[in-house]
Protein backbone atom coordinates (compact mmCIF):
# COMPACT_ATOMS: atom_id res chain seq x y z
CA SER A 1 -83.75 2.96 -39.47
CA ARG A 2 -80.56 1.83 -41.22
CA LEU A 3 -78.18 -1.13 -40.87
CA ARG A 4 -75.31 -0.33 -38.50
CA GLU A 5 -72.15 -2.09 -37.39
CA ARG A 6 -72.53 -4.22 -34.27
CA ALA A 7 -70.15 -1.92 -32.37
CA GLU A 8 -72.78 0.84 -32.71
CA TRP A 9 -75.36 -1.26 -30.86
CA ILE A 10 -73.91 -0.50 -27.40
CA LEU A 11 -75.95 2.64 -26.78
CA ALA A 12 -79.10 0.91 -27.98
CA VAL A 13 -78.92 -1.92 -25.47
CA GLY A 14 -77.33 0.01 -22.63
CA GLY A 15 -80.48 0.08 -20.53
CA HIS A 16 -81.56 3.72 -21.03
CA LEU A 17 -85.05 4.59 -22.24
CA GLY A 18 -84.06 6.28 -25.53
CA TYR A 19 -86.56 6.60 -28.34
CA ILE A 20 -87.29 2.86 -28.57
CA PRO A 21 -86.53 -0.09 -26.28
CA GLY A 22 -83.08 -1.60 -26.72
CA GLN A 23 -84.42 -5.04 -27.69
CA THR A 24 -86.61 -3.49 -30.38
CA TYR A 25 -83.53 -1.81 -31.82
CA VAL A 26 -81.65 -5.14 -31.88
CA ASN A 27 -84.60 -6.87 -33.58
CA VAL A 28 -84.74 -4.16 -36.25
CA GLN A 29 -81.00 -4.50 -36.88
CA LYS A 30 -81.31 -8.28 -37.28
CA LYS A 31 -84.21 -7.79 -39.72
CA LEU A 32 -82.20 -5.27 -41.75
CA LEU A 33 -79.25 -7.67 -41.80
CA ALA A 34 -81.48 -10.51 -43.05
CA ASN A 35 -82.89 -8.23 -45.77
CA SER A 36 -79.38 -7.31 -46.86
CA GLU A 37 -78.73 -10.96 -47.79
CA LYS A 38 -81.78 -11.19 -50.07
CA PRO A 39 -81.84 -10.26 -53.77
CA ALA A 40 -83.84 -7.17 -54.75
CA ARG A 41 -86.36 -8.86 -57.08
CA GLU A 42 -89.85 -7.33 -56.56
CA GLY A 43 -91.00 -3.73 -56.42
CA THR A 44 -88.09 -2.31 -58.42
CA GLY A 45 -89.65 -1.66 -61.84
CA LYS A 46 -90.03 -4.05 -64.73
CA HIS A 47 -88.63 -2.12 -67.68
CA GLY A 48 -84.89 -2.36 -66.96
CA LEU A 49 -82.65 -5.18 -68.09
CA LEU A 50 -81.40 -5.55 -64.52
CA SER A 51 -84.73 -4.84 -62.78
CA GLY A 52 -84.99 -6.80 -59.57
CA LEU A 53 -81.23 -7.34 -59.33
CA VAL A 54 -79.71 -3.99 -58.32
CA LYS A 55 -79.41 -3.20 -54.60
CA CYS A 56 -78.21 -0.08 -52.84
CA GLY A 57 -75.17 -1.03 -50.77
CA LYS A 58 -75.81 1.84 -48.33
CA CYS A 59 -79.30 0.91 -47.16
CA ASN A 60 -79.72 -2.59 -48.68
CA ARG A 61 -82.87 -1.57 -50.51
CA GLY A 62 -83.65 -2.63 -54.07
CA MET A 63 -83.00 0.15 -56.59
CA THR A 64 -85.92 1.04 -58.88
CA HIS A 65 -85.65 1.49 -62.64
CA TYR A 66 -86.87 4.97 -63.78
CA ASN A 67 -87.42 6.76 -67.11
CA TYR A 68 -86.74 10.53 -67.16
CA GLY A 69 -87.28 13.11 -69.88
CA VAL A 70 -89.81 13.81 -72.63
CA LYS A 71 -87.98 14.24 -75.94
CA THR A 72 -84.86 12.41 -74.76
CA THR A 73 -85.41 9.56 -72.33
CA TRP A 74 -82.81 8.84 -69.68
CA GLN A 75 -83.03 5.58 -67.76
CA TYR A 76 -81.67 5.22 -64.24
CA TYR A 77 -81.55 2.77 -61.37
CA LYS A 78 -82.31 4.83 -58.27
CA CYS A 79 -82.58 4.18 -54.53
CA ARG A 80 -85.83 5.59 -53.08
CA SER A 81 -84.83 5.41 -49.40
CA ARG A 82 -84.05 9.15 -49.27
CA GLU A 83 -87.57 9.97 -50.41
CA SER A 84 -89.34 7.51 -48.11
CA GLN A 85 -87.10 7.46 -45.01
CA GLY A 86 -84.96 10.59 -45.17
CA PRO A 87 -81.31 11.44 -45.84
CA THR A 88 -80.07 9.87 -42.58
CA VAL A 89 -80.83 6.44 -44.02
CA CYS A 90 -79.46 6.91 -47.54
CA ASP A 91 -78.52 9.73 -49.89
CA GLY A 92 -80.64 8.24 -52.71
CA GLN A 93 -77.84 7.30 -55.10
CA SER A 94 -78.55 6.57 -58.76
CA VAL A 95 -76.71 5.23 -61.82
CA LYS A 96 -77.38 5.36 -65.55
CA ALA A 97 -79.09 2.14 -66.54
CA LYS A 98 -77.35 1.71 -69.90
CA LEU A 99 -73.88 2.19 -68.39
CA LEU A 100 -74.47 -0.33 -65.59
CA GLU A 101 -76.06 -2.88 -67.92
CA GLN A 102 -73.22 -2.68 -70.43
CA ASN A 103 -70.58 -3.15 -67.72
CA VAL A 104 -72.39 -6.13 -66.17
CA VAL A 105 -72.95 -7.92 -69.48
CA ALA A 106 -69.34 -7.28 -70.55
CA ALA A 107 -68.07 -8.79 -67.29
CA LEU A 108 -70.32 -11.84 -67.76
CA ARG A 109 -69.01 -12.33 -71.30
CA GLN A 110 -65.46 -12.36 -70.00
CA ILE A 111 -66.23 -14.86 -67.22
CA CYS A 112 -68.27 -17.17 -69.44
CA ALA A 113 -65.49 -17.27 -72.04
CA ASP A 114 -63.28 -19.08 -69.52
CA ARG A 115 -64.78 -22.57 -69.55
CA VAL A 116 -61.88 -24.06 -67.56
CA TYR A 117 -62.53 -21.66 -64.67
CA LEU A 118 -66.30 -22.27 -64.66
CA GLU A 119 -65.95 -26.06 -64.82
CA GLY A 120 -63.46 -25.96 -61.94
CA ILE A 121 -65.83 -23.87 -59.80
CA ALA A 122 -68.72 -26.24 -60.70
CA ARG A 123 -66.73 -29.27 -59.57
CA LYS A 124 -65.84 -27.60 -56.26
CA ALA A 125 -69.46 -26.57 -55.68
CA LYS A 126 -70.75 -30.09 -56.36
CA ARG A 127 -68.13 -31.58 -54.04
CA LYS A 128 -69.22 -29.18 -51.31
CA VAL A 129 -72.86 -30.21 -51.72
CA LYS A 130 -71.84 -33.87 -51.52
CA THR A 131 -69.69 -33.21 -48.45
CA ASP A 132 -72.56 -31.40 -46.73
CA THR A 133 -75.02 -34.18 -47.66
CA THR A 134 -72.97 -37.16 -46.41
CA PRO A 135 -73.24 -36.42 -42.64
CA LEU A 136 -76.96 -35.69 -43.07
CA LEU A 137 -77.51 -39.10 -44.68
CA GLU A 138 -75.51 -40.80 -41.93
CA GLU A 139 -77.51 -38.99 -39.26
CA LYS A 140 -80.77 -39.91 -40.98
CA ARG A 141 -79.73 -43.58 -40.98
CA PHE A 142 -78.94 -43.42 -37.28
CA ILE A 143 -82.22 -41.66 -36.37
CA THR A 144 -84.26 -44.13 -38.45
CA ALA A 145 -82.55 -47.01 -36.63
CA ARG A 146 -83.21 -45.30 -33.29
CA LEU A 147 -86.94 -44.95 -34.13
CA ASP A 148 -87.07 -48.65 -34.96
CA ALA A 149 -85.36 -49.47 -31.67
CA LEU A 150 -87.83 -47.31 -29.73
CA SER A 151 -90.79 -48.99 -31.42
CA ALA A 152 -89.33 -52.43 -30.68
CA GLU A 153 -88.83 -51.54 -27.01
CA GLN A 154 -92.42 -50.28 -26.80
CA LYS A 155 -93.69 -53.61 -28.17
CA GLU A 156 -91.61 -55.55 -25.66
CA LEU A 157 -93.01 -53.46 -22.80
CA VAL A 158 -96.56 -54.05 -24.00
CA LYS A 159 -95.85 -57.82 -24.00
CA ALA A 160 -94.41 -57.52 -20.49
CA LEU A 161 -97.54 -55.65 -19.45
CA GLY A 162 -99.68 -58.55 -20.61
CA LYS A 163 -97.50 -61.18 -18.92
CA LYS A 164 -97.16 -59.02 -15.74
CA THR A 165 -93.42 -59.72 -15.58
CA LEU A 166 -92.66 -56.13 -14.54
CA PRO A 167 -94.38 -53.68 -12.15
CA LEU A 168 -97.19 -51.73 -13.83
CA GLU A 169 -95.90 -48.34 -12.65
CA LEU A 170 -92.43 -49.03 -14.07
CA ILE A 171 -93.85 -50.05 -17.46
CA GLU A 172 -96.15 -47.01 -17.71
CA GLU A 173 -93.33 -44.61 -16.77
CA ARG A 174 -90.99 -46.12 -19.36
CA LEU A 175 -93.69 -46.08 -22.07
CA ILE A 176 -94.23 -42.36 -21.49
CA GLU A 177 -90.47 -41.70 -21.74
CA LEU A 178 -90.26 -43.74 -24.95
CA GLU A 179 -93.18 -41.90 -26.54
CA LYS A 180 -91.64 -38.50 -25.75
CA GLU A 181 -88.29 -39.54 -27.19
CA LYS A 182 -90.03 -41.03 -30.21
CA ILE A 183 -91.89 -37.77 -30.95
CA SER A 184 -88.69 -35.72 -30.55
CA THR A 185 -86.71 -38.13 -32.75
CA ALA A 186 -89.44 -38.13 -35.43
CA ASN A 187 -89.42 -34.32 -35.49
CA HIS A 188 -85.64 -34.34 -35.89
CA LEU A 189 -85.98 -36.82 -38.75
CA THR A 190 -88.46 -34.49 -40.48
CA GLU A 191 -86.01 -31.60 -40.17
CA LEU A 192 -83.23 -33.73 -41.66
CA GLU A 193 -85.41 -34.77 -44.59
CA LEU A 194 -86.16 -31.11 -45.29
CA GLN A 195 -82.44 -30.32 -45.26
CA LEU A 196 -81.75 -33.21 -47.64
CA GLU A 197 -84.53 -32.01 -49.94
CA SER A 198 -82.99 -28.53 -49.88
CA GLN A 199 -79.63 -30.07 -50.87
CA ASP A 200 -81.33 -31.84 -53.79
CA TRP A 201 -82.86 -28.57 -55.01
CA GLN A 202 -79.49 -26.83 -54.60
CA GLN A 203 -77.96 -29.43 -56.89
CA ILE A 204 -80.69 -28.78 -59.48
CA ASP A 205 -80.19 -25.00 -59.23
CA MET A 206 -76.43 -25.50 -59.54
CA ASP A 207 -76.80 -27.45 -62.78
CA LEU A 208 -79.09 -24.75 -64.18
CA VAL A 209 -76.76 -21.86 -63.24
CA PHE A 210 -73.57 -23.41 -64.59
CA GLY A 211 -75.37 -24.62 -67.69
CA ASN A 212 -76.54 -21.06 -68.46
CA LEU A 213 -73.08 -19.62 -67.71
CA LEU A 214 -71.38 -22.05 -70.10
CA ARG A 215 -73.75 -21.17 -72.95
CA PHE A 216 -74.11 -17.45 -72.16
CA ASN A 217 -71.98 -16.16 -75.06
CA GLU A 218 -73.76 -18.47 -77.50
CA VAL A 219 -77.40 -17.65 -76.77
CA TYR A 220 -77.57 -14.26 -75.03
CA ASP A 221 -77.50 -12.04 -78.13
CA SER A 222 -80.21 -14.10 -79.84
CA LEU A 223 -82.73 -13.50 -77.03
CA ASP A 224 -85.34 -10.71 -77.00
CA PHE A 225 -85.43 -8.15 -74.16
CA ASP A 226 -87.61 -10.23 -71.82
CA GLY A 227 -85.56 -13.34 -72.56
CA LYS A 228 -82.30 -11.53 -71.73
CA ARG A 229 -83.73 -10.22 -68.48
CA GLU A 230 -84.91 -13.67 -67.36
CA PHE A 231 -81.60 -15.19 -68.44
CA LEU A 232 -79.70 -12.71 -66.28
CA ARG A 233 -82.01 -13.33 -63.32
CA SER A 234 -81.27 -17.06 -63.55
CA ILE A 235 -77.53 -16.58 -62.93
CA ILE A 236 -77.19 -13.28 -61.01
CA LYS A 237 -78.13 -13.21 -57.33
CA LYS A 238 -77.78 -9.44 -56.93
CA ILE A 239 -75.75 -6.42 -57.97
CA ILE A 240 -74.65 -4.13 -55.13
CA LEU A 241 -73.98 -0.45 -55.84
CA VAL A 242 -72.07 1.89 -53.49
CA ASP A 243 -71.35 5.19 -55.25
CA ASP A 244 -69.08 4.23 -58.18
CA ASN A 245 -68.30 0.75 -56.86
CA VAL A 246 -70.26 -2.17 -58.30
CA THR A 247 -70.18 -5.74 -56.91
CA ILE A 248 -71.79 -8.58 -58.85
CA GLN A 249 -72.93 -11.71 -57.03
CA ILE A 250 -73.46 -14.75 -59.28
CA PHE A 251 -74.93 -17.88 -57.74
CA PHE A 252 -72.18 -20.32 -56.57
CA LEU A 253 -69.38 -17.96 -57.75
CA PRO A 254 -67.26 -15.57 -55.66
CA ASP A 255 -68.29 -11.90 -55.67
CA PHE A 256 -66.48 -9.68 -58.17
CA THR A 257 -66.43 -6.19 -59.68
CA PRO A 258 -66.92 -5.60 -63.44
CA ASP A 259 -63.31 -4.44 -63.88
CA LYS A 260 -61.91 -7.50 -62.03
CA PRO A 261 -63.87 -10.65 -62.98
CA PRO A 262 -62.89 -13.84 -61.14
CA GLY A 263 -60.58 -16.26 -62.89
CA THR A 264 -58.58 -13.51 -64.63
CA LYS A 265 -54.83 -13.83 -64.23
CA LYS A 266 -52.69 -10.99 -62.93
CA LYS A 267 -50.18 -9.60 -65.41
CA PRO A 268 -46.48 -9.99 -64.52
CA GLY A 269 -45.15 -7.03 -62.56
CA SER A 270 -48.61 -5.75 -61.69
CA GLY A 271 -47.85 -5.75 -57.95
CA SER A 272 -48.46 -8.06 -55.03
CA SER A 273 -51.71 -9.21 -53.50
CA SER A 274 -53.64 -6.66 -51.48
CA SER A 275 -54.12 -9.21 -48.73
CA ASN A 276 -51.61 -9.49 -45.91
CA SER A 277 -52.84 -12.93 -44.91
CA PRO A 278 -50.47 -15.85 -45.57
CA LYS A 279 -53.57 -17.92 -46.32
CA ASP A 280 -54.52 -15.62 -49.20
CA GLN A 281 -50.99 -15.46 -50.56
CA ASN A 282 -50.56 -19.25 -50.48
CA PRO A 283 -53.80 -21.24 -50.76
CA GLY A 284 -51.89 -24.39 -49.82
CA THR A 285 -51.19 -23.25 -46.26
CA PHE A 286 -53.49 -24.10 -43.38
CA GLU A 287 -53.65 -23.53 -39.65
CA MET A 288 -52.59 -26.33 -37.34
CA ASN A 289 -54.94 -25.54 -34.48
CA GLY A 290 -55.41 -29.09 -33.21
CA CYS A 291 -59.16 -29.05 -33.48
CA PHE A 292 -61.98 -29.29 -36.14
CA CYS A 293 -62.29 -31.76 -34.44
CA GLY A 294 -59.29 -33.92 -33.65
CA HIS A 295 -60.18 -33.84 -29.95
CA PHE A 296 -63.68 -35.33 -30.44
CA GLY A 297 -64.23 -38.26 -28.10
CA SER A 298 -61.36 -37.30 -25.81
CA GLU A 299 -61.43 -35.56 -22.45
CA ILE A 300 -60.04 -32.36 -23.98
CA GLU A 301 -62.72 -29.69 -24.31
CA CYS A 302 -63.17 -28.06 -27.71
CA THR A 303 -65.44 -25.39 -29.23
CA CYS A 304 -66.39 -27.19 -32.45
CA THR A 305 -70.02 -27.08 -33.56
CA PRO A 306 -71.98 -30.33 -34.19
CA LEU A 307 -71.76 -29.66 -37.95
CA GLN A 308 -67.96 -29.31 -37.78
CA ILE A 309 -67.77 -32.57 -35.85
CA GLN A 310 -69.99 -34.31 -38.41
CA ARG A 311 -67.76 -33.05 -41.22
CA TYR A 312 -64.68 -34.31 -39.40
CA LEU A 313 -66.17 -37.77 -38.88
CA GLY A 314 -67.50 -37.74 -42.44
CA ARG A 315 -63.93 -37.87 -43.79
CA VAL A 316 -64.02 -41.59 -43.01
CA SER A 317 -67.27 -43.13 -44.21
CA GLY A 318 -69.15 -45.95 -42.52
CA PRO A 319 -68.67 -48.37 -45.46
CA LEU A 320 -64.92 -47.76 -45.32
CA LEU A 321 -64.82 -48.55 -41.60
CA ASP A 322 -66.87 -51.65 -42.30
CA ARG A 323 -64.04 -52.99 -44.44
CA MET A 324 -61.50 -52.68 -41.61
CA ASP A 325 -60.92 -55.80 -39.50
CA LEU A 326 -60.01 -53.89 -36.32
CA HIS A 327 -60.64 -50.32 -35.21
CA VAL A 328 -59.84 -49.59 -31.58
CA GLU A 329 -60.16 -46.31 -29.70
CA VAL A 330 -56.86 -45.30 -28.09
CA PRO A 331 -57.39 -42.73 -25.29
CA ARG A 332 -54.96 -39.95 -24.41
CA ILE A 333 -52.03 -41.25 -22.30
CA LYS A 334 -51.80 -39.77 -18.80
CA LEU A 335 -48.53 -38.65 -17.28
CA ASP A 336 -48.63 -41.28 -14.51
CA ASP A 337 -48.95 -44.02 -17.12
CA LEU A 338 -45.83 -42.78 -18.88
CA HIS A 339 -43.78 -43.11 -15.67
CA SER A 340 -45.22 -46.49 -14.63
CA GLY A 341 -43.67 -49.75 -15.80
CA PRO A 342 -45.27 -52.12 -18.33
CA ASP A 343 -48.16 -54.19 -16.93
CA GLY A 344 -48.75 -56.45 -19.96
CA GLU A 345 -46.94 -59.21 -21.77
CA SER A 346 -43.55 -58.43 -23.25
CA SER A 347 -43.00 -58.25 -26.98
CA THR A 348 -40.95 -61.46 -26.85
CA VAL A 349 -43.81 -63.42 -25.31
CA LEU A 350 -46.33 -61.94 -27.76
CA ARG A 351 -44.06 -62.81 -30.67
CA GLU A 352 -43.94 -66.46 -29.60
CA ARG A 353 -47.73 -66.59 -29.27
CA VAL A 354 -48.16 -65.12 -32.77
CA ILE A 355 -45.71 -67.65 -34.25
CA GLN A 356 -47.57 -70.52 -32.56
CA ALA A 357 -50.93 -69.21 -33.81
CA ARG A 358 -49.65 -69.01 -37.38
CA ASP A 359 -48.33 -72.58 -37.10
CA VAL A 360 -51.77 -73.71 -35.94
CA GLN A 361 -53.41 -72.01 -38.90
CA GLN A 362 -51.00 -73.49 -41.44
CA ARG A 363 -51.59 -77.01 -40.10
CA ARG A 364 -55.36 -76.41 -40.12
CA TYR A 365 -55.51 -75.21 -43.72
CA ARG A 366 -52.87 -77.59 -45.17
CA GLY A 367 -54.02 -78.70 -48.64
CA SER A 368 -57.01 -76.31 -48.73
CA GLY A 369 -55.37 -73.54 -50.78
CA ILE A 370 -55.35 -70.98 -47.95
CA PHE A 371 -52.84 -70.38 -45.17
CA LEU A 372 -54.30 -67.80 -42.74
CA ASN A 373 -57.63 -66.99 -41.09
CA SER A 374 -57.96 -63.75 -43.07
CA GLN A 375 -58.12 -65.77 -46.31
CA MET A 376 -61.19 -67.80 -45.32
CA GLY A 377 -64.22 -67.65 -47.59
CA PRO A 378 -67.88 -68.32 -46.67
CA ALA A 379 -67.49 -72.12 -46.94
CA ASP A 380 -64.32 -72.04 -44.81
CA LEU A 381 -66.08 -69.99 -42.15
CA ARG A 382 -68.83 -72.60 -41.85
CA ARG A 383 -66.23 -75.38 -41.63
CA TYR A 384 -63.64 -73.89 -39.28
CA CYS A 385 -65.64 -71.36 -37.22
CA GLY A 386 -68.33 -73.47 -35.58
CA LEU A 387 -69.97 -71.84 -32.55
CA ASP A 388 -71.61 -73.29 -29.47
CA GLU A 389 -75.12 -72.12 -28.54
CA ALA A 390 -73.99 -69.36 -26.14
CA SER A 391 -71.54 -67.87 -28.64
CA HIS A 392 -74.13 -68.06 -31.40
CA GLN A 393 -76.75 -66.23 -29.32
CA LEU A 394 -74.27 -63.51 -28.35
CA LEU A 395 -73.28 -62.91 -31.98
CA LYS A 396 -76.92 -62.97 -33.11
CA ALA A 397 -77.99 -60.42 -30.47
CA SER A 398 -75.06 -58.14 -31.32
CA PHE A 399 -75.76 -58.43 -35.04
CA GLU A 400 -79.32 -57.22 -34.56
CA ARG A 401 -78.61 -54.57 -31.91
CA LEU A 402 -75.59 -53.01 -33.65
CA HIS A 403 -77.08 -53.36 -37.18
CA LEU A 404 -73.96 -55.14 -38.41
CA SER A 405 -73.48 -55.89 -42.08
CA ALA A 406 -72.80 -59.35 -43.58
CA ARG A 407 -69.20 -58.22 -44.20
CA ALA A 408 -68.78 -57.26 -40.52
CA TYR A 409 -70.28 -60.63 -39.48
CA ASP A 410 -67.67 -62.54 -41.45
CA ARG A 411 -64.82 -60.38 -40.16
CA ILE A 412 -65.92 -60.88 -36.53
CA LEU A 413 -65.80 -64.64 -37.03
CA LYS A 414 -62.30 -64.45 -38.50
CA ILE A 415 -61.09 -62.25 -35.62
CA ALA A 416 -62.67 -64.60 -33.05
CA ARG A 417 -60.95 -67.57 -34.76
CA THR A 418 -57.61 -65.75 -34.47
CA ILE A 419 -58.19 -64.85 -30.78
CA ALA A 420 -58.94 -68.51 -30.09
CA ASP A 421 -55.74 -69.57 -31.90
CA LEU A 422 -53.70 -67.17 -29.76
CA GLU A 423 -55.02 -68.70 -26.54
CA PRO A 424 -54.70 -71.47 -27.95
CA SER A 425 -58.18 -73.02 -28.19
CA GLU A 426 -59.57 -75.25 -30.89
CA GLN A 427 -63.16 -74.19 -30.14
CA ILE A 428 -64.33 -70.56 -30.50
CA LYS A 429 -65.83 -69.61 -27.13
CA MET A 430 -68.22 -66.89 -26.08
CA GLU A 431 -65.39 -64.75 -24.64
CA HIS A 432 -63.62 -64.88 -28.01
CA ILE A 433 -66.77 -63.58 -29.74
CA GLY A 434 -67.10 -60.85 -27.09
CA GLU A 435 -63.54 -59.67 -27.58
CA ALA A 436 -63.95 -59.66 -31.38
CA LEU A 437 -67.11 -57.56 -31.06
CA HIS A 438 -65.18 -55.12 -28.87
CA TYR A 439 -62.98 -54.38 -31.88
CA ARG A 440 -66.03 -53.53 -34.04
CA THR A 441 -67.76 -50.83 -31.97
CA LEU A 442 -65.91 -47.66 -32.94
CA ASP A 443 -68.04 -46.97 -36.01
CA ARG A 444 -71.23 -47.50 -34.00
CA LYS A 445 -70.01 -45.19 -31.21
CA TYR A 446 -69.13 -42.14 -33.30
CA TRP A 447 -69.98 -42.51 -36.97
CA THR A 448 -73.71 -43.05 -36.42
CA SER A 449 -74.31 -40.71 -33.49
């Protein structure tokens, strides 16, 4: 009947008959927990300045605004759980309406007077929304590309069905698999679009809340009673009351009590922080735990969630990777490899090959205004990076399958030209294109999956 700590659930799910089944008890607790996160809003009276905002912290029920008295009217916010569910749920606490309203408004005035604090919080909140949105956009791009690939494969199978180049049973089985994957992928895309739409609305709500906070002290006193109440509802999520302790929750701001608004500076000599955590005492410290998710892609098992992995990968954007000539995955070195001798070319040999390749490039570009392959422009690429038919087809197929950009296309040609110079070979061959493509797959392996 009331929200309890998870440690108290043991008797409820222990297997005995009790008054209600254990699973029913767990479901009720989850429902009560969900209700505790919601604002009070409806069913709490309409005549109080904070009607719909005040919640009882003992039972998580919205507190109702009441008028008492005949000659002298006293207004209270009162919890009705004692009357409707009994004293075991809540003791039915109450507070004078005028006292609570004055304290809340005074705390808001103090917060809203500190524009520097509010603007700093607004910037952090907007950065967080952008950080949360970036992996969703990347995932949407990947899923859209996957849907296109599935549709293209379906069309190819239909053509094969008409030409009878593949067994009928094999084609039908593959078409069924593709359709199932297509439906699942389309449903996932719909969920992503809903999340992105929610992020857009959150940005709109954020602008409204911080706009009202920044102009609170200017406009609040000029509003009538209904206007003040709606204004407060636009910035306050809920107010939680537990005996004499009041906690105010403003949208996008940390929770605070009226006597300790956020952003206020501690006076010298007023004592140390109540927290014993080094993180709280020094916001610049962080925990070096080796994950979140530095082990992603390796053989080391981690416990990161998909969202944490997306945030980790989102630190380096796809467009940034696209501007890098080479990005190669380097796996974890095994102990046996550390003890074994070198199995490749020595540094001396490699150095000579590099010097020879640079000499080749300088002779090639003599009088053209450039000196190295990396300096080639579009006209230079057409002149110095001619491809035979096999190399051209390989690059064309990879360009379409990997959804490469024009920038990546040019960089692959430059890398292939350099690989050919190291061989040395005047003509760029198919194996040079293949090796250059191998250095451009890291972003497609992780940053779009």
